[in-house]
Each structure stands twice: as structure tokens, then as C-alpha cells.
Amino acid sequence: MPQDYSAEFYYENNTLLFAFVYKGQEEYRFYMSPNDETKCIRYIGSDGNTQDFEAPVSSAGLGQGVGNLCEAGYMEPYWLGKK
């Protein structure tokens, strides 16, 4: 997990829908699949380019490694005993 990045997670019914990862002006946005919160359906990189995926993909391969932070987002409800 990149230690110098911050992340904010947004949930609905304890399911991760969106992750916002940033460090200064560098920002990444991950829109997660409502059917599988471990998969990304839309990604907006720090360059502002948007990628929409026909088939959901693992977020870990996106965003120069910061996509790994999404794992913390979908594991958080488990750690807090909400799932």
C-alpha cells in the first residue's frame, strides 16, 4: 500500500462503490462494480483521462499501484464487523 497517499471510500449498504486516492494534486478515482466491489468499472487517472470497462477489472493494476488501496476500502466493513 502506498504510504504517502490518502484515500477516501464511499459505501452503500456496506459495499464499496467509489474510492478517491490522492497525494497533493495527484488524484485517482475508482468506481467499483455494484456486483463485485473488488472490481473496477470506471477509472479516472491523475491525467484526467477516463476509462470505462465493458467487463469489470481488478483495481490493483490501475493507477501506478494506488489501486491497491481499494482493497482496504472493500475490506473495511469486514474489519469493522459490518459484514
PDB file of N, CA and C in Angstrom:
ATOM      1  N   MET A   1       0.849  -1.177   0.000  1.00  0.00           N
ATOM      2  CA  MET A   1       0.000   0.000   0.000  1.00  0.00           C
ATOM      3  C   MET A   1       0.893   1.237   0.000  1.00  0.00           C
ATOM      4  N   PRO A   2       0.686   2.139  -0.909  1.00  0.00           N
ATOM      5  CA  PRO A   2       1.490   3.372  -0.919  1.00  0.00           C
ATOM      6  C   PRO A   2       1.239   4.191   0.341  1.00  0.00           C
ATOM      7  N   GLN A   3       2.280   4.377   1.124  1.00  0.00           N
ATOM      8  CA  GLN A   3       2.139   5.051   2.416  1.00  0.00           C
ATOM      9  C   GLN A   3       1.956   6.559   2.298  1.00  0.00           C
ATOM     10  N   ASP A   4       2.337   7.149   1.188  1.00  0.00           N
ATOM     11  CA  ASP A   4       2.264   8.604   1.080  1.00  0.00           C
ATOM     12  C   ASP A   4       0.983   9.096   0.408  1.00  0.00           C
ATOM     13  N   TYR A   5       0.026   8.195   0.161  1.00  0.00           N
ATOM     14  CA  TYR A   5      -1.266   8.562  -0.421  1.00  0.00           C
ATOM     15  C   TYR A   5      -2.345   8.504   0.649  1.00  0.00           C
ATOM     16  N   SER A   6      -3.369   9.304   0.471  1.00  0.00           N
ATOM     17  CA  SER A   6      -4.564   9.244   1.308  1.00  0.00           C
ATOM     18  C   SER A   6      -5.692   8.671   0.465  1.00  0.00           C
ATOM     19  N   ALA A   7      -6.671   8.083   1.123  1.00  0.00           N
ATOM     20  CA  ALA A   7      -7.797   7.501   0.398  1.00  0.00           C
ATOM     21  C   ALA A   7      -9.093   7.756   1.154  1.00  0.00           C
ATOM     22  N   GLU A   8     -10.142   7.998   0.389  1.00  0.00           N
ATOM     23  CA  GLU A   8     -11.490   8.142   0.932  1.00  0.00           C
ATOM     24  C   GLU A   8     -12.352   7.110   0.238  1.00  0.00           C
ATOM     25  N   PHE A   9     -13.237   6.484   1.008  1.00  0.00           N
ATOM     26  CA  PHE A   9     -14.074   5.419   0.476  1.00  0.00           C
ATOM     27  C   PHE A   9     -15.547   5.773   0.672  1.00  0.00           C
ATOM     28  N   TYR A  10     -16.356   5.443  -0.296  1.00  0.00           N
ATOM     29  CA  TYR A  10     -17.786   5.718  -0.260  1.00  0.00           C
ATOM     30  C   TYR A  10     -18.544   4.417  -0.436  1.00  0.00           C
ATOM     31  N   TYR A  11     -19.508   4.195   0.465  1.00  0.00           N
ATOM     32  CA  TYR A  11     -20.225   2.922   0.531  1.00  0.00           C
ATOM     33  C   TYR A  11     -21.729   3.121   0.385  1.00  0.00           C
ATOM     34  N   GLU A  12     -22.376   2.043  -0.034  1.00  0.00           N
ATOM     35  CA  GLU A  12     -23.826   1.932   0.047  1.00  0.00           C
ATOM     36  C   GLU A  12     -24.105   0.533   0.566  1.00  0.00           C
ATOM     37  N   ASN A  13     -24.843   0.442   1.658  1.00  0.00           N
ATOM     38  CA  ASN A  13     -25.127  -0.846   2.294  1.00  0.00           C
ATOM     39  C   ASN A  13     -23.845  -1.630   2.563  1.00  0.00           C
ATOM     40  N   ASN A  14     -22.819  -0.931   3.062  1.00  0.00           N
ATOM     41  CA  ASN A  14     -21.520  -1.516   3.403  1.00  0.00           C
ATOM     42  C   ASN A  14     -20.799  -2.140   2.213  1.00  0.00           C
ATOM     43  N   THR A  15     -21.149  -1.724   1.014  1.00  0.00           N
ATOM     44  CA  THR A  15     -20.477  -2.173  -0.199  1.00  0.00           C
ATOM     45  C   THR A  15     -19.747  -0.989  -0.812  1.00  0.00           C
ATOM     46  N   LEU A  16     -18.457  -1.170  -1.096  1.00  0.00           N
ATOM     47  CA  LEU A  16     -17.650  -0.095  -1.671  1.00  0.00           C
ATOM     48  C   LEU A  16     -18.134   0.242  -3.075  1.00  0.00           C
ATOM     49  N   LEU A  17     -18.451   1.520  -3.296  1.00  0.00           N
ATOM     50  CA  LEU A  17     -18.867   1.984  -4.615  1.00  0.00           C
ATOM     51  C   LEU A  17     -17.830   2.875  -5.280  1.00  0.00           C
ATOM     52  N   PHE A  18     -17.052   3.614  -4.461  1.00  0.00           N
ATOM     53  CA  PHE A  18     -16.146   4.604  -5.012  1.00  0.00           C
ATOM     54  C   PHE A  18     -14.952   4.773  -4.086  1.00  0.00           C
ATOM     55  N   ALA A  19     -13.777   4.877  -4.676  1.00  0.00           N
ATOM     56  CA  ALA A  19     -12.560   5.172  -3.912  1.00  0.00           C
ATOM     57  C   ALA A  19     -11.870   6.370  -4.550  1.00  0.00           C
ATOM     58  N   PHE A  20     -11.478   7.305  -3.726  1.00  0.00           N
ATOM     59  CA  PHE A  20     -10.768   8.505  -4.152  1.00  0.00           C
ATOM     60  C   PHE A  20      -9.405   8.461  -3.487  1.00  0.00           C
ATOM     61  N   VAL A  21      -8.349   8.393  -4.285  1.00  0.00           N
ATOM     62  CA  VAL A  21      -6.979   8.272  -3.784  1.00  0.00           C
ATOM     63  C   VAL A  21      -6.207   9.501  -4.238  1.00  0.00           C
ATOM     64  N   TYR A  22      -5.462  10.108  -3.316  1.00  0.00           N
ATOM     65  CA  TYR A  22      -4.789  11.356  -3.677  1.00  0.00           C
ATOM     66  C   TYR A  22      -3.507  11.574  -2.878  1.00  0.00           C
ATOM     67  N   LYS A  23      -2.671  12.396  -3.456  1.00  0.00           N
ATOM     68  CA  LYS A  23      -1.452  12.894  -2.816  1.00  0.00           C
ATOM     69  C   LYS A  23      -1.204  14.255  -3.446  1.00  0.00           C
ATOM     70  N   GLY A  24      -1.425  15.322  -2.698  1.00  0.00           N
ATOM     71  CA  GLY A  24      -1.296  16.668  -3.247  1.00  0.00           C
ATOM     72  C   GLY A  24      -2.286  16.860  -4.389  1.00  0.00           C
ATOM     73  N   GLN A  25      -1.793  17.278  -5.561  1.00  0.00           N
ATOM     74  CA  GLN A  25      -2.644  17.490  -6.731  1.00  0.00           C
ATOM     75  C   GLN A  25      -2.855  16.216  -7.542  1.00  0.00           C
ATOM     76  N   GLU A  26      -2.184  15.145  -7.191  1.00  0.00           N
ATOM     77  CA  GLU A  26      -2.305  13.869  -7.897  1.00  0.00           C
ATOM     78  C   GLU A  26      -3.528  13.128  -7.359  1.00  0.00           C
ATOM     79  N   GLU A  27      -4.495  12.849  -8.248  1.00  0.00           N
ATOM     80  CA  GLU A  27      -5.760  12.244  -7.828  1.00  0.00           C
ATOM     81  C   GLU A  27      -6.124  11.076  -8.736  1.00  0.00           C
ATOM     82  N   TYR A  28      -6.728  10.053  -8.121  1.00  0.00           N
ATOM     83  CA  TYR A  28      -7.220   8.888  -8.853  1.00  0.00           C
ATOM     84  C   TYR A  28      -8.620   8.570  -8.345  1.00  0.00           C
ATOM     85  N   ARG A  29      -9.495   8.185  -9.255  1.00  0.00           N
ATOM     86  CA  ARG A  29     -10.867   7.840  -8.889  1.00  0.00           C
ATOM     87  C   ARG A  29     -11.187   6.442  -9.420  1.00  0.00           C
ATOM     88  N   PHE A  30     -11.720   5.622  -8.534  1.00  0.00           N
ATOM     89  CA  PHE A  30     -12.066   4.248  -8.868  1.00  0.00           C
ATOM     90  C   PHE A  30     -13.556   4.054  -8.589  1.00  0.00           C
ATOM     91  N   TYR A  31     -14.315   3.702  -9.608  1.00  0.00           N
ATOM     92  CA  TYR A  31     -15.736   3.407  -9.461  1.00  0.00           C
ATOM     93  C   TYR A  31     -15.870   1.892  -9.491  1.00  0.00           C
ATOM     94  N   MET A  32     -16.363   1.337  -8.398  1.00  0.00           N
ATOM     95  CA  MET A  32     -16.373  -0.099  -8.238  1.00  0.00           C
ATOM     96  C   MET A  32     -17.690  -0.702  -8.734  1.00  0.00           C
ATOM     97  N   SER A  33     -17.627  -1.957  -9.141  1.00  0.00           N
ATOM     98  CA  SER A  33     -18.803  -2.667  -9.628  1.00  0.00           C
ATOM     99  C   SER A  33     -19.772  -2.900  -8.472  1.00  0.00           C
ATOM    100  N   PRO A  34     -21.062  -2.607  -8.664  1.00  0.00           N
ATOM    101  CA  PRO A  34     -22.025  -2.893  -7.599  1.00  0.00           C
ATOM    102  C   PRO A  34     -22.234  -4.397  -7.407  1.00  0.00           C
ATOM    103  N   ASN A  35     -21.809  -5.192  -8.387  1.00  0.00           N
ATOM    104  CA  ASN A  35     -21.950  -6.648  -8.303  1.00  0.00           C
ATOM    105  C   ASN A  35     -20.714  -7.325  -7.718  1.00  0.00           C
ATOM    106  N   ASP A  36     -19.577  -6.641  -7.751  1.00  0.00           N
ATOM    107  CA  ASP A  36     -18.326  -7.190  -7.223  1.00  0.00           C
ATOM    108  C   ASP A  36     -17.424  -6.019  -6.838  1.00  0.00           C
ATOM    109  N   GLU A  37     -17.439  -5.653  -5.559  1.00  0.00           N
ATOM    110  CA  GLU A  37     -16.711  -4.469  -5.107  1.00  0.00           C
ATOM    111  C   GLU A  37     -15.202  -4.614  -5.217  1.00  0.00           C
ATOM    112  N   THR A  38     -14.712  -5.773  -5.604  1.00  0.00           N
ATOM    113  CA  THR A  38     -13.272  -5.945  -5.821  1.00  0.00           C
ATOM    114  C   THR A  38     -12.876  -5.584  -7.248  1.00  0.00           C
ATOM    115  N   LYS A  39     -13.850  -5.237  -8.078  1.00  0.00           N
ATOM    116  CA  LYS A  39     -13.591  -4.924  -9.486  1.00  0.00           C
ATOM    117  C   LYS A  39     -13.978  -3.483  -9.801  1.00  0.00           C
ATOM    118  N   CYS A  40     -13.225  -2.885 -10.703  1.00  0.00           N
ATOM    119  CA  CYS A  40     -13.411  -1.501 -11.102  1.00  0.00           C
ATOM    120  C   CYS A  40     -14.161  -1.451 -12.436  1.00  0.00           C
ATOM    121  N   ILE A  41     -15.168  -0.560 -12.524  1.00  0.00           N
ATOM    122  CA  ILE A  41     -15.907  -0.405 -13.785  1.00  0.00           C
ATOM    123  C   ILE A  41     -15.570   0.913 -14.486  1.00  0.00           C
ATOM    124  N   ARG A  42     -15.021   1.863 -13.735  1.00  0.00           N
ATOM    125  CA  ARG A  42     -14.590   3.145 -14.315  1.00  0.00           C
ATOM    126  C   ARG A  42     -13.388   3.639 -13.516  1.00  0.00           C
ATOM    127  N   TYR A  43     -12.439   4.186 -14.246  1.00  0.00           N
ATOM    128  CA  TYR A  43     -11.219   4.687 -13.619  1.00  0.00           C
ATOM    129  C   TYR A  43     -10.888   6.036 -14.233  1.00  0.00           C
ATOM    130  N   ILE A  44     -10.591   7.004 -13.379  1.00  0.00           N
ATOM    131  CA  ILE A  44     -10.127   8.306 -13.832  1.00  0.00           C
ATOM    132  C   ILE A  44      -8.743   8.508 -13.229  1.00  0.00           C
ATOM    133  N   GLY A  45      -7.737   8.593 -14.097  1.00  0.00           N
ATOM    134  CA  GLY A  45      -6.353   8.717 -13.658  1.00  0.00           C
ATOM    135  C   GLY A  45      -5.966  10.139 -13.320  1.00  0.00           C
ATOM    136  N   SER A  46      -4.745  10.307 -12.856  1.00  0.00           N
ATOM    137  CA  SER A  46      -4.272  11.631 -12.459  1.00  0.00           C
ATOM    138  C   SER A  46      -4.147  12.577 -13.645  1.00  0.00           C
ATOM    139  N   ASP A  47      -4.133  12.023 -14.857  1.00  0.00           N
ATOM    140  CA  ASP A  47      -4.080  12.848 -16.065  1.00  0.00           C
ATOM    141  C   ASP A  47      -5.462  13.301 -16.517  1.00  0.00           C
ATOM    142  N   GLY A  48      -6.518  12.857 -15.802  1.00  0.00           N
ATOM    143  CA  GLY A  48      -7.885  13.246 -16.128  1.00  0.00           C
ATOM    144  C   GLY A  48      -8.565  12.356 -17.145  1.00  0.00           C
ATOM    145  N   ASN A  49      -7.830  11.411 -17.713  1.00  0.00           N
ATOM    146  CA  ASN A  49      -8.426  10.501 -18.690  1.00  0.00           C
ATOM    147  C   ASN A  49      -9.321   9.485 -17.992  1.00  0.00           C
ATOM    148  N   THR A  50     -10.478   9.250 -18.599  1.00  0.00           N
ATOM    149  CA  THR A  50     -11.444   8.308 -18.058  1.00  0.00           C
ATOM    150  C   THR A  50     -11.415   7.017 -18.857  1.00  0.00           C
ATOM    151  N   GLN A  51     -11.434   5.900 -18.132  1.00  0.00           N
ATOM    152  CA  GLN A  51     -11.528   4.591 -18.762  1.00  0.00           C
ATOM    153  C   GLN A  51     -12.775   3.911 -18.223  1.00  0.00           C
ATOM    154  N   ASP A  52     -13.697   3.572 -19.115  1.00  0.00           N
ATOM    155  CA  ASP A  52     -14.862   2.772 -18.757  1.00  0.00           C
ATOM    156  C   ASP A  52     -14.595   1.356 -19.252  1.00  0.00           C
ATOM    157  N   PHE A  53     -14.855   0.377 -18.409  1.00  0.00           N
ATOM    158  CA  PHE A  53     -14.559  -1.005 -18.748  1.00  0.00           C
ATOM    159  C   PHE A  53     -15.843  -1.775 -19.040  1.00  0.00           C
ATOM    160  N   GLU A  54     -15.874  -2.461 -20.191  1.00  0.00           N
ATOM    161  CA  GLU A  54     -17.032  -3.298 -20.536  1.00  0.00           C
ATOM    162  C   GLU A  54     -17.175  -4.440 -19.544  1.00  0.00           C
ATOM    163  N   ALA A  55     -16.054  -5.037 -19.187  1.00  0.00           N
ATOM    164  CA  ALA A  55     -16.028  -6.078 -18.166  1.00  0.00           C
ATOM    165  C   ALA A  55     -15.222  -5.532 -16.990  1.00  0.00           C
ATOM    166  N   PRO A  56     -15.736  -5.639 -15.769  1.00  0.00           N
ATOM    167  CA  PRO A  56     -15.008  -5.121 -14.611  1.00  0.00           C
ATOM    168  C   PRO A  56     -13.600  -5.710 -14.510  1.00  0.00           C
ATOM    169  N   VAL A  57     -12.647  -4.879 -14.068  1.00  0.00           N
ATOM    170  CA  VAL A  57     -11.253  -5.287 -13.942  1.00  0.00           C
ATOM    171  C   VAL A  57     -10.765  -5.059 -12.512  1.00  0.00           C
ATOM    172  N   SER A  58      -9.695  -5.731 -12.167  1.00  0.00           N
ATOM    173  CA  SER A  58      -9.092  -5.548 -10.855  1.00  0.00           C
ATOM    174  C   SER A  58      -8.526  -4.139 -10.746  1.00  0.00           C
ATOM    175  N   SER A  59      -8.814  -3.473  -9.659  1.00  0.00           N
ATOM    176  CA  SER A  59      -8.309  -2.117  -9.460  1.00  0.00           C
ATOM    177  C   SER A  59      -6.818  -2.111  -9.158  1.00  0.00           C
ATOM    178  N   ALA A  60      -6.268  -3.247  -8.727  1.00  0.00           N
ATOM    179  CA  ALA A  60      -4.862  -3.296  -8.328  1.00  0.00           C
ATOM    180  C   ALA A  60      -3.919  -2.980  -9.484  1.00  0.00           C
ATOM    181  N   GLY A  61      -4.327  -3.224 -10.710  1.00  0.00           N
ATOM    182  CA  GLY A  61      -3.474  -2.967 -11.860  1.00  0.00           C
ATOM    183  C   GLY A  61      -3.577  -1.560 -12.412  1.00  0.00           C
ATOM    184  N   LEU A  62      -4.375  -0.722 -11.785  1.00  0.00           N
ATOM    185  CA  LEU A  62      -4.605   0.632 -12.273  1.00  0.00           C
ATOM    186  C   LEU A  62      -3.903   1.645 -11.380  1.00  0.00           C
ATOM    187  N   GLY A  63      -3.652   2.815 -11.885  1.00  0.00           N
ATOM    188  CA  GLY A  63      -3.204   3.946 -11.075  1.00  0.00           C
ATOM    189  C   GLY A  63      -1.838   3.816 -10.446  1.00  0.00           C
ATOM    190  N   GLN A  64      -0.874   3.274 -11.162  1.00  0.00           N
ATOM    191  CA  GLN A  64       0.509   3.232 -10.688  1.00  0.00           C
ATOM    192  C   GLN A  64       0.624   2.633  -9.288  1.00  0.00           C
ATOM    193  N   GLY A  65      -0.153   1.602  -9.005  1.00  0.00           N
ATOM    194  CA  GLY A  65      -0.088   0.933  -7.710  1.00  0.00           C
ATOM    195  C   GLY A  65      -1.054   1.452  -6.669  1.00  0.00           C
ATOM    196  N   VAL A  66      -1.614   2.652  -6.849  1.00  0.00           N
ATOM    197  CA  VAL A  66      -2.527   3.189  -5.840  1.00  0.00           C
ATOM    198  C   VAL A  66      -3.862   2.453  -5.848  1.00  0.00           C
ATOM    199  N   GLY A  67      -4.139   1.699  -6.901  1.00  0.00           N
ATOM    200  CA  GLY A  67      -5.355   0.894  -6.937  1.00  0.00           C
ATOM    201  C   GLY A  67      -5.388  -0.150  -5.837  1.00  0.00           C
ATOM    202  N   ASN A  68      -4.219  -0.500  -5.314  1.00  0.00           N
ATOM    203  CA  ASN A  68      -4.163  -1.442  -4.199  1.00  0.00           C
ATOM    204  C   ASN A  68      -4.894  -0.905  -2.977  1.00  0.00           C
ATOM    205  N   LEU A  69      -5.038   0.410  -2.874  1.00  0.00           N
ATOM    206  CA  LEU A  69      -5.758   0.998  -1.749  1.00  0.00           C
ATOM    207  C   LEU A  69      -7.231   0.609  -1.762  1.00  0.00           C
ATOM    208  N   CYS A  70      -7.771   0.258  -2.914  1.00  0.00           N
ATOM    209  CA  CYS A  70      -9.171  -0.162  -2.984  1.00  0.00           C
ATOM    210  C   CYS A  70      -9.412  -1.391  -2.122  1.00  0.00           C
ATOM    211  N   GLU A  71      -8.403  -2.250  -1.991  1.00  0.00           N
ATOM    212  CA  GLU A  71      -8.553  -3.442  -1.150  1.00  0.00           C
ATOM    213  C   GLU A  71      -8.892  -3.045   0.287  1.00  0.00           C
ATOM    214  N   ALA A  72      -8.253  -2.003   0.798  1.00  0.00           N
ATOM    215  CA  ALA A  72      -8.569  -1.532   2.148  1.00  0.00           C
ATOM    216  C   ALA A  72     -10.016  -1.070   2.216  1.00  0.00           C
ATOM    217  N   GLY A  73     -10.498  -0.460   1.131  1.00  0.00           N
ATOM    218  CA  GLY A  73     -11.877   0.009   1.100  1.00  0.00           C
ATOM    219  C   GLY A  73     -12.893  -1.100   1.149  1.00  0.00           C
ATOM    220  N   TYR A  74     -12.683  -2.168   0.400  1.00  0.00           N
ATOM    221  CA  TYR A  74     -13.694  -3.222   0.446  1.00  0.00           C
ATOM    222  C   TYR A  74     -13.497  -4.164   1.624  1.00  0.00           C
ATOM    223  N   MET A  75     -12.342  -4.126   2.281  1.00  0.00           N
ATOM    224  CA  MET A  75     -12.137  -4.930   3.487  1.00  0.00           C
ATOM    225  C   MET A  75     -12.604  -4.211   4.752  1.00  0.00           C
ATOM    226  N   GLU A  76     -12.694  -2.879   4.721  1.00  0.00           N
ATOM    227  CA  GLU A  76     -13.028  -2.119   5.920  1.00  0.00           C
ATOM    228  C   GLU A  76     -14.320  -2.577   6.604  1.00  0.00           C
ATOM    229  N   PRO A  77     -15.434  -2.809   5.882  1.00  0.00           N
ATOM    230  CA  PRO A  77     -16.641  -3.282   6.585  1.00  0.00           C
ATOM    231  C   PRO A  77     -16.419  -4.613   7.306  1.00  0.00           C
ATOM    232  N   TYR A  78     -15.582  -5.485   6.753  1.00  0.00           N
ATOM    233  CA  TYR A  78     -15.265  -6.742   7.432  1.00  0.00           C
ATOM    234  C   TYR A  78     -14.500  -6.476   8.716  1.00  0.00           C
ATOM    235  N   TRP A  79     -13.498  -5.580   8.643  1.00  0.00           N
ATOM    236  CA  TRP A  79     -12.682  -5.263   9.810  1.00  0.00           C
ATOM    237  C   TRP A  79     -13.535  -4.623  10.909  1.00  0.00           C
ATOM    238  N   LEU A  80     -14.541  -3.856  10.499  1.00  0.00           N
ATOM    239  CA  LEU A  80     -15.400  -3.184  11.478  1.00  0.00           C
ATOM    240  C   LEU A  80     -16.570  -4.057  11.930  1.00  0.00           C
ATOM    241  N   GLY A  81     -16.657  -5.285  11.412  1.00  0.00           N
ATOM    242  CA  GLY A  81     -17.722  -6.202  11.796  1.00  0.00           C
ATOM    243  C   GLY A  81     -19.068  -5.866  11.202  1.00  0.00           C
ATOM    244  N   LYS A  82     -19.095  -5.130  10.088  1.00  0.00           N
ATOM    245  CA  LYS A  82     -20.357  -4.747   9.443  1.00  0.00           C
ATOM    246  C   LYS A  82     -20.776  -5.717   8.360  1.00  0.00           C
ATOM    247  N   LYS A  83     -19.922  -6.711   8.076  1.00  0.00           N
ATOM    248  CA  LYS A  83     -20.273  -7.743   7.078  1.00  0.00           C
ATOM    249  C   LYS A  83     -20.059  -9.094   7.698  1.00  0.00           C
TER     250      LYS A  83
END
